[in-house]
Amino acid sequence: MNLTLSPPTVQVLIIPPLQEVPVVRMERCTETLKPGMDATAERWMRVRRAMSREDQVYVERLAGMIKSHAREGIHAFDDPLEAAVFSVLVELMKELERKRNKGQQLVLGT
């Protein structure tokens, strides 16, 4: 039996150098998000007219919550509606916390 050893085969993969691709960061600024949030608040105010007088007060407060945060500019969101709903939730949480701190009981859905 005649064994001959051959050198191991080595395959070399040549990878061309990567071209640098410019990184473009799209950052939201107040000027681009605010109009969308304001438009959402305006739409909610139009819907208010179709609601009962009792509910109209709440719609006005919700629209006001959106507008207060639209001035601040919420840069983490790309969707103005998401930013608007987030703003309302933040304001509701703050209101809930204020009531808790005053020892007031929260009454939902009367």
Protein backbone atom coordinates (compact mmCIF):
# COMPACT_ATOMS: atom_id res chain seq x y z
CA MET A 1 0.00 0.00 0.00
CA ASN A 2 1.49 3.22 -1.13
CA LEU A 3 0.24 6.34 0.63
CA THR A 4 1.15 9.67 -0.70
CA LEU A 5 0.30 12.75 1.23
CA SER A 6 -0.72 15.79 -0.68
CA PRO A 7 -0.71 19.23 0.86
CA PRO A 8 -4.09 20.41 2.11
CA THR A 9 -6.11 22.50 -0.25
CA VAL A 10 -6.61 26.04 0.93
CA GLN A 11 -9.23 28.21 -0.61
CA VAL A 12 -8.81 31.92 -0.30
CA LEU A 13 -11.78 34.17 -0.53
CA ILE A 14 -10.93 37.67 -1.59
CA ILE A 15 -13.40 40.24 -0.36
CA PRO A 16 -13.24 43.64 -1.97
CA PRO A 17 -13.02 46.54 0.46
CA LEU A 18 -16.32 47.99 1.55
CA GLN A 19 -17.20 51.33 0.19
CA GLU A 20 -18.11 53.84 2.80
CA VAL A 21 -21.78 54.58 2.67
CA PRO A 22 -22.74 57.93 4.09
CA VAL A 23 -24.95 57.58 7.13
CA VAL A 24 -27.98 59.79 6.97
CA ARG A 25 -29.75 60.21 10.26
CA MET A 26 -33.30 61.36 9.96
CA GLU A 27 -34.08 63.26 13.07
CA ARG A 28 -37.48 64.62 13.80
CA CYS A 29 -37.56 68.21 14.78
CA THR A 30 -40.35 70.26 16.21
CA GLU A 31 -41.03 71.87 12.84
CA THR A 32 -41.84 68.54 11.15
CA LEU A 33 -43.80 66.85 13.95
CA LYS A 34 -45.78 69.82 15.29
CA PRO A 35 -48.00 70.34 12.21
CA GLY A 36 -49.09 66.69 12.30
CA MET A 37 -49.84 66.82 16.01
CA ASP A 38 -51.73 70.09 15.59
CA ALA A 39 -53.73 68.55 12.73
CA THR A 40 -54.65 65.62 14.98
CA ALA A 41 -55.83 68.00 17.71
CA GLU A 42 -57.87 69.95 15.14
CA ARG A 43 -59.51 66.75 13.85
CA TRP A 44 -60.39 65.78 17.41
CA MET A 45 -61.93 69.21 17.93
CA ARG A 46 -64.08 68.76 14.81
CA VAL A 47 -65.31 65.41 16.17
CA ARG A 48 -66.17 67.17 19.43
CA ARG A 49 -69.18 68.83 17.79
CA ALA A 50 -70.81 65.44 17.23
CA MET A 51 -70.42 64.44 20.87
CA SER A 52 -72.62 65.14 23.86
CA ARG A 53 -72.01 68.40 25.75
CA GLU A 54 -70.66 66.41 28.67
CA ASP A 55 -68.05 64.70 26.48
CA GLN A 56 -67.12 67.85 24.58
CA VAL A 57 -65.30 69.16 27.64
CA TYR A 58 -63.10 66.07 27.69
CA VAL A 59 -62.35 66.28 23.98
CA GLU A 60 -61.22 69.86 24.48
CA ARG A 61 -58.90 68.76 27.28
CA LEU A 62 -57.47 65.93 25.17
CA ALA A 63 -56.82 68.26 22.24
CA GLY A 64 -55.17 70.71 24.64
CA MET A 65 -52.91 67.94 25.94
CA ILE A 66 -51.75 67.21 22.40
CA LYS A 67 -51.07 70.86 21.67
CA SER A 68 -49.08 71.33 24.87
CA HIS A 69 -46.70 68.54 23.89
CA ALA A 70 -46.58 69.56 20.22
CA ARG A 71 -44.90 72.78 21.32
CA GLU A 72 -42.27 70.77 23.18
CA GLY A 73 -41.56 68.58 20.21
CA ILE A 74 -41.34 64.86 20.80
CA HIS A 75 -38.38 63.80 18.71
CA ALA A 76 -38.53 60.04 19.22
CA PHE A 77 -41.65 59.55 17.12
CA ASP A 78 -42.02 59.45 13.36
CA ASP A 79 -45.81 59.30 13.43
CA PRO A 80 -47.63 62.44 14.62
CA LEU A 81 -50.65 60.40 15.72
CA GLU A 82 -48.46 58.18 17.89
CA ALA A 83 -46.87 61.28 19.38
CA ALA A 84 -50.33 62.75 20.02
CA VAL A 85 -51.63 59.64 21.78
CA PHE A 86 -48.41 59.39 23.77
CA SER A 87 -48.82 63.02 24.85
CA VAL A 88 -52.35 62.38 26.03
CA LEU A 89 -51.27 59.32 27.98
CA VAL A 90 -48.46 61.25 29.67
CA GLU A 91 -50.85 64.02 30.68
CA LEU A 92 -53.41 61.51 31.99
CA MET A 93 -50.73 59.79 34.05
CA LYS A 94 -49.65 63.14 35.49
CA GLU A 95 -53.26 63.96 36.36
CA LEU A 96 -53.70 60.57 38.00
CA GLU A 97 -50.53 61.10 40.05
CA ARG A 98 -51.71 64.56 41.17
CA LYS A 99 -55.01 63.07 42.35
CA ARG A 100 -53.21 60.31 44.23
CA ASN A 101 -50.92 62.81 45.92
CA LYS A 102 -53.95 64.83 47.05
CA GLY A 103 -55.60 61.66 48.35
CA GLN A 104 -58.49 61.97 45.94
CA GLN A 105 -60.23 58.88 44.71
CA LEU A 106 -60.25 58.33 40.96
CA VAL A 107 -63.71 57.68 39.53
CA LEU A 108 -63.85 56.10 36.08
CA GLY A 109 -66.85 55.96 33.76
CA THR A 110 -69.81 57.38 35.59
